[in-house]
């Protein structure tokens, strides 16, 4: 598949510079960047952030689960 995009001049120059510095062809650099972005997006979509995973709560605050019996059941939605 071939795709043509218009890049802003500053981004074009940055890509050319980075390809030259890395000694790889420009199309290879662009493919690597796209693959990296897709992989990162997939991982972010499938995982909670580290802030959420590391949350330990407040020691003096009752656990949310202790209120579970007091929650009202979900109401039935009216269709019409």
C-alpha atoms as a PDB file:
ATOM      1  CA  UNK A   1       0.000   0.000   0.000  1.00  0.00           C
ATOM      2  CA  UNK A   2       1.220   3.473  -0.741  1.00  0.00           C
ATOM      3  CA  UNK A   3       0.038   6.533   1.181  1.00  0.00           C
ATOM      4  CA  UNK A   4       0.956  10.125   0.437  1.00  0.00           C
ATOM      5  CA  UNK A   5       0.809  12.731   3.195  1.00  0.00           C
ATOM      6  CA  UNK A   6       1.756  16.387   3.351  1.00  0.00           C
ATOM      7  CA  UNK A   7       4.106  17.113   6.229  1.00  0.00           C
ATOM      8  CA  UNK A   8       4.775  20.516   7.715  1.00  0.00           C
ATOM      9  CA  UNK A   9       8.267  21.679   6.709  1.00  0.00           C
ATOM     10  CA  UNK A  10       9.613  21.552  10.263  1.00  0.00           C
ATOM     11  CA  UNK A  11       8.493  17.926  10.745  1.00  0.00           C
ATOM     12  CA  UNK A  12       9.918  16.956   7.377  1.00  0.00           C
ATOM     13  CA  UNK A  13      13.285  18.451   8.300  1.00  0.00           C
ATOM     14  CA  UNK A  14      13.238  16.738  11.701  1.00  0.00           C
ATOM     15  CA  UNK A  15      12.541  13.368  10.080  1.00  0.00           C
ATOM     16  CA  UNK A  16      15.255  13.832   7.469  1.00  0.00           C
ATOM     17  CA  UNK A  17      17.732  14.891  10.151  1.00  0.00           C
ATOM     18  CA  UNK A  18      16.885  11.928  12.392  1.00  0.00           C
ATOM     19  CA  UNK A  19      17.103   9.467   9.476  1.00  0.00           C
ATOM     20  CA  UNK A  20      20.505  10.860   8.552  1.00  0.00           C
ATOM     21  CA  UNK A  21      21.733  10.710  12.148  1.00  0.00           C
ATOM     22  CA  UNK A  22      20.462   7.120  12.526  1.00  0.00           C
ATOM     23  CA  UNK A  23      21.871   6.152   9.115  1.00  0.00           C
ATOM     24  CA  UNK A  24      18.594   4.572   8.000  1.00  0.00           C
ATOM     25  CA  UNK A  25      16.377   5.381   5.019  1.00  0.00           C
ATOM     26  CA  UNK A  26      13.612   7.901   5.652  1.00  0.00           C
ATOM     27  CA  UNK A  27      10.782   5.441   4.795  1.00  0.00           C
ATOM     28  CA  UNK A  28      12.216   2.955   7.319  1.00  0.00           C
ATOM     29  CA  UNK A  29      12.297   5.623  10.018  1.00  0.00           C
ATOM     30  CA  UNK A  30       8.681   6.559   9.331  1.00  0.00           C
ATOM     31  CA  UNK A  31       7.581   2.896   9.418  1.00  0.00           C
ATOM     32  CA  UNK A  32       9.386   2.377  12.717  1.00  0.00           C
ATOM     33  CA  UNK A  33       7.707   5.452  14.211  1.00  0.00           C
ATOM     34  CA  UNK A  34       4.268   4.305  13.045  1.00  0.00           C
ATOM     35  CA  UNK A  35       4.774   0.788  14.419  1.00  0.00           C
ATOM     36  CA  UNK A  36       5.985   2.186  17.753  1.00  0.00           C
ATOM     37  CA  UNK A  37       2.945   4.471  17.967  1.00  0.00           C
ATOM     38  CA  UNK A  38       0.520   1.648  17.194  1.00  0.00           C
ATOM     39  CA  UNK A  39       2.118  -0.650  19.786  1.00  0.00           C
ATOM     40  CA  UNK A  40       2.054   2.102  22.427  1.00  0.00           C
ATOM     41  CA  UNK A  41      -1.581   2.884  21.660  1.00  0.00           C
ATOM     42  CA  UNK A  42      -2.534  -0.795  21.961  1.00  0.00           C
ATOM     43  CA  UNK A  43      -0.749  -1.144  25.292  1.00  0.00           C
ATOM     44  CA  UNK A  44      -2.296   2.043  26.673  1.00  0.00           C
ATOM     45  CA  UNK A  45      -5.766   0.964  25.607  1.00  0.00           C
ATOM     46  CA  UNK A  46      -5.410  -2.402  27.349  1.00  0.00           C
ATOM     47  CA  UNK A  47      -3.856  -1.312  30.630  1.00  0.00           C
ATOM     48  CA  UNK A  48      -4.699   0.899  33.567  1.00  0.00           C
ATOM     49  CA  UNK A  49      -2.213   3.690  34.126  1.00  0.00           C
ATOM     50  CA  UNK A  50       0.494   3.220  36.744  1.00  0.00           C
ATOM     51  CA  UNK A  51      -1.152   5.891  38.915  1.00  0.00           C
ATOM     52  CA  UNK A  52      -4.327   3.790  39.154  1.00  0.00           C
ATOM     53  CA  UNK A  53      -2.497   0.491  39.637  1.00  0.00           C
ATOM     54  CA  UNK A  54      -0.343   1.870  42.455  1.00  0.00           C
ATOM     55  CA  UNK A  55      -3.230   3.537  44.345  1.00  0.00           C
ATOM     56  CA  UNK A  56      -3.352   2.269  47.920  1.00  0.00           C
ATOM     57  CA  UNK A  57      -6.294   4.259  49.229  1.00  0.00           C
ATOM     58  CA  UNK A  58      -6.571   6.220  52.441  1.00  0.00           C
ATOM     59  CA  UNK A  59      -5.952   4.065  55.532  1.00  0.00           C
ATOM     60  CA  UNK A  60      -8.562   5.829  57.734  1.00  0.00           C
ATOM     61  CA  UNK A  61     -11.289   5.747  55.080  1.00  0.00           C
ATOM     62  CA  UNK A  62     -13.678   2.746  54.959  1.00  0.00           C
ATOM     63  CA  UNK A  63     -13.290   0.489  51.953  1.00  0.00           C
ATOM     64  CA  UNK A  64     -15.792   1.121  49.167  1.00  0.00           C
ATOM     65  CA  UNK A  65     -16.930  -2.496  49.347  1.00  0.00           C
ATOM     66  CA  UNK A  66     -18.236  -1.897  52.876  1.00  0.00           C
ATOM     67  CA  UNK A  67     -20.988   0.283  51.353  1.00  0.00           C
ATOM     68  CA  UNK A  68     -22.003  -2.232  48.696  1.00  0.00           C
ATOM     69  CA  UNK A  69     -25.099  -3.453  50.601  1.00  0.00           C
ATOM     70  CA  UNK A  70     -26.399   0.132  50.837  1.00  0.00           C
ATOM     71  CA  UNK A  71     -26.288   0.741  47.084  1.00  0.00           C
ATOM     72  CA  UNK A  72     -29.576   0.827  45.237  1.00  0.00           C
ATOM     73  CA  UNK A  73     -30.034  -1.663  42.420  1.00  0.00           C
ATOM     74  CA  UNK A  74     -29.970  -0.150  38.942  1.00  0.00           C
ATOM     75  CA  UNK A  75     -33.352   1.062  37.762  1.00  0.00           C
ATOM     76  CA  UNK A  76     -35.015  -0.342  34.688  1.00  0.00           C
ATOM     77  CA  UNK A  77     -34.835   1.967  31.721  1.00  0.00           C
ATOM     78  CA  UNK A  78     -38.004   3.007  29.993  1.00  0.00           C
ATOM     79  CA  UNK A  79     -37.957   1.996  26.364  1.00  0.00           C
ATOM     80  CA  UNK A  80     -40.549   4.512  25.155  1.00  0.00           C
END
